[in-house]
């Protein structure tokens, strides 16, 4: 018969293991590569440009520590556009105001805005410019990307570092709007945000969640 201290120890171990789960383990990892050339493309005659702003676009993130704690946050202010042609989203771009960041802890928000992390006074904006938006292939629809309908590639600028990232997304056409959603993780160290990495106090992966409602004309 198993003794109570043993049961307690096993229970505690299970709780600790669950607490140490990495949120990025269940998301697609968008590894950063060298920035790609953004080639000017003449949009089709039927193309429509839709404004992106803090009302129709939600950008949220989750960061975590190996010890098990995690924090959620996001950005309230951004400006950009999406181009739609032939019932398809063909391009996207957005500029995020870093100072509009929020998180579930006010002291954390202050820390994230200083030079340990985003350094918002030196780098007040982050930017994404798509270089390709296409339908996801069958081979790409695996694991965390199993439900993806599209694949988005673009140049992402953070802390003055510009890299190309690619991630799965779901774009669904409704009666009044196109619903765009994506969830993936990036390695913040690849963009020069290395606070807490040397001693592994804070994980390098940050989960990003995007949700956009594009009104149909």
Foldseek 3Di string as FASTA:
>chain_A
DDDPVVVVVVVVVVVQVVLQDDPQVQFAEWEWAAADDQDDDDDDPQKDKFKDWLVFKWKKKKWFASRRDIKIKGFRTKIWIWIDDPNRTWWIKMKTFLLRIDIPDPVVSVVCCPPLHQNCVVPRIKMKTWRGKAADDPVQLDRSNVPFGIKTWTWIAGSNDTTITIFGWHWDDDPFWIKIKGKHKYFRVVNVNCRCPVVRRIGRIMIMIMIGTTTDD
